[in-house]
Amino acid sequence: MAEGIMEISDSSFDSEVIQSEKPVLVDFWAPWCGPCKAIGPIIEELAGEFSDKIKFAKCNVDDNPVSPGKFGIKAIPTLIFFKQGKVVDQITGMVAKSKLQQTINSVL
């Protein structure tokens, strides 16, 4: 896992995301997903730029089926932005880095 990005599981989801004091971007992904692999380096770059303001987490949907089910995730990659324990934005699929930067700035 890249620096500034944590791997979360169904069991750590509430403590790391819902109870986080900082906003959290959760990347729901799977190792076999091409677009997930493509967006990975972009998220790593953003973690380098924004990790002082927002927490970055990845949740493998194959290993952790409960969390994606809770948020109605049907396609990956899905990025969900949480603030004060609530979903404030969601992006599904491969998007440009500039779109992710805009969304992060709107969440902060």
Protein backbone atom coordinates (compact mmCIF):
# COMPACT_ATOMS: atom_id res chain seq x y z
CA MET A 1 0.00 0.00 0.00
CA ALA A 2 1.33 3.43 -0.91
CA GLU A 3 2.31 5.91 1.75
CA GLY A 4 -0.66 7.87 3.07
CA ILE A 5 -3.20 5.22 2.00
CA MET A 6 -4.54 2.68 4.47
CA GLU A 7 -6.13 -0.68 3.72
CA ILE A 8 -9.43 -1.00 5.58
CA SER A 9 -11.68 -3.97 6.19
CA ASP A 10 -15.29 -4.50 7.18
CA SER A 11 -14.14 -4.75 10.80
CA SER A 12 -12.10 -1.50 10.77
CA PHE A 13 -14.51 0.51 8.58
CA ASP A 14 -16.46 2.22 11.37
CA SER A 15 -13.41 3.18 13.43
CA GLU A 16 -11.32 4.37 10.46
CA VAL A 17 -14.02 6.01 8.31
CA ILE A 18 -17.27 6.71 10.16
CA GLN A 19 -15.56 7.91 13.36
CA SER A 20 -12.72 9.77 11.61
CA GLU A 21 -12.26 13.41 12.57
CA LYS A 22 -10.89 14.13 9.08
CA PRO A 23 -12.86 13.60 5.86
CA VAL A 24 -12.12 10.21 4.27
CA LEU A 25 -11.93 9.09 0.64
CA VAL A 26 -12.59 5.36 0.40
CA ASP A 27 -11.58 3.60 -2.82
CA PHE A 28 -13.65 0.43 -3.22
CA TRP A 29 -11.63 -1.79 -5.58
CA ALA A 30 -10.58 -5.35 -6.48
CA PRO A 31 -7.24 -6.74 -7.72
CA TRP A 32 -8.80 -8.08 -10.96
CA CYS A 33 -10.36 -4.73 -11.93
CA GLY A 34 -8.53 -2.90 -14.75
CA PRO A 35 -9.96 0.61 -14.11
CA CYS A 36 -9.18 0.14 -10.38
CA LYS A 37 -5.52 -0.43 -11.27
CA ALA A 38 -5.57 2.59 -13.60
CA ILE A 39 -6.98 4.98 -10.98
CA GLY A 40 -4.63 3.69 -8.24
CA PRO A 41 -1.60 5.85 -9.14
CA ILE A 42 -3.84 8.96 -9.35
CA ILE A 43 -5.15 8.30 -5.83
CA GLU A 44 -1.54 7.80 -4.65
CA GLU A 45 -0.59 11.22 -6.09
CA LEU A 46 -3.60 12.83 -4.42
CA ALA A 47 -2.73 11.17 -1.10
CA GLY A 48 0.68 12.84 -1.37
CA GLU A 49 -0.94 16.23 -1.99
CA PHE A 50 -3.90 16.10 0.42
CA SER A 51 -3.06 13.58 3.18
CA ASP A 52 -2.74 16.37 5.76
CA LYS A 53 -6.41 17.34 5.15
CA ILE A 54 -8.16 14.10 4.14
CA LYS A 55 -7.65 10.42 4.94
CA PHE A 56 -7.23 7.97 2.04
CA ALA A 57 -8.37 4.36 2.37
CA LYS A 58 -8.79 1.36 0.08
CA CYS A 59 -11.35 -1.39 0.63
CA ASN A 60 -10.98 -4.65 -1.34
CA VAL A 61 -14.57 -5.61 -2.21
CA ASP A 62 -13.69 -9.30 -2.67
CA ASP A 63 -12.32 -9.60 0.87
CA ASN A 64 -14.83 -7.24 2.51
CA PRO A 65 -18.38 -7.68 1.13
CA VAL A 66 -20.25 -5.97 4.00
CA SER A 67 -19.07 -2.37 3.53
CA PRO A 68 -19.74 -2.14 -0.23
CA GLY A 69 -23.16 -3.71 0.36
CA LYS A 70 -23.97 -1.10 3.00
CA PHE A 71 -23.36 1.70 0.48
CA GLY A 72 -25.06 0.06 -2.51
CA ILE A 73 -21.90 -0.31 -4.57
CA LYS A 74 -22.62 -2.13 -7.82
CA ALA A 75 -19.56 -1.16 -9.90
CA ILE A 76 -15.89 -0.57 -9.14
CA PRO A 77 -13.87 1.48 -8.80
CA THR A 78 -16.22 3.52 -6.63
CA LEU A 79 -14.78 6.37 -4.58
CA ILE A 80 -16.93 7.52 -1.68
CA PHE A 81 -16.16 10.71 0.23
CA PHE A 82 -17.15 10.71 3.90
CA LYS A 83 -17.30 13.73 6.18
CA GLN A 84 -18.31 13.47 9.85
CA GLY A 85 -19.37 9.87 9.21
CA LYS A 86 -21.73 10.68 6.33
CA VAL A 87 -21.45 10.16 2.57
CA VAL A 88 -20.98 13.58 0.97
CA ASP A 89 -19.99 12.58 -2.57
CA GLN A 90 -19.43 9.54 -4.75
CA ILE A 91 -17.62 8.88 -8.02
CA THR A 92 -17.87 5.62 -9.96
CA GLY A 93 -15.45 4.59 -12.69
CA MET A 94 -12.25 6.04 -14.06
CA VAL A 95 -12.13 9.85 -13.90
CA ALA A 96 -9.47 12.51 -14.49
CA LYS A 97 -7.23 13.62 -11.64
CA SER A 98 -8.63 17.16 -11.98
CA LYS A 99 -12.18 15.87 -11.29
CA LEU A 100 -10.94 14.11 -8.14
CA GLN A 101 -9.08 17.25 -7.01
CA GLN A 102 -12.26 19.32 -7.49
CA THR A 103 -14.31 16.82 -5.50
CA ILE A 104 -11.74 16.68 -2.67
CA ASN A 105 -11.68 20.50 -2.50
CA SER A 106 -15.50 20.63 -2.37
CA VAL A 107 -15.54 18.10 0.48
CA LEU A 108 -12.92 19.94 2.57
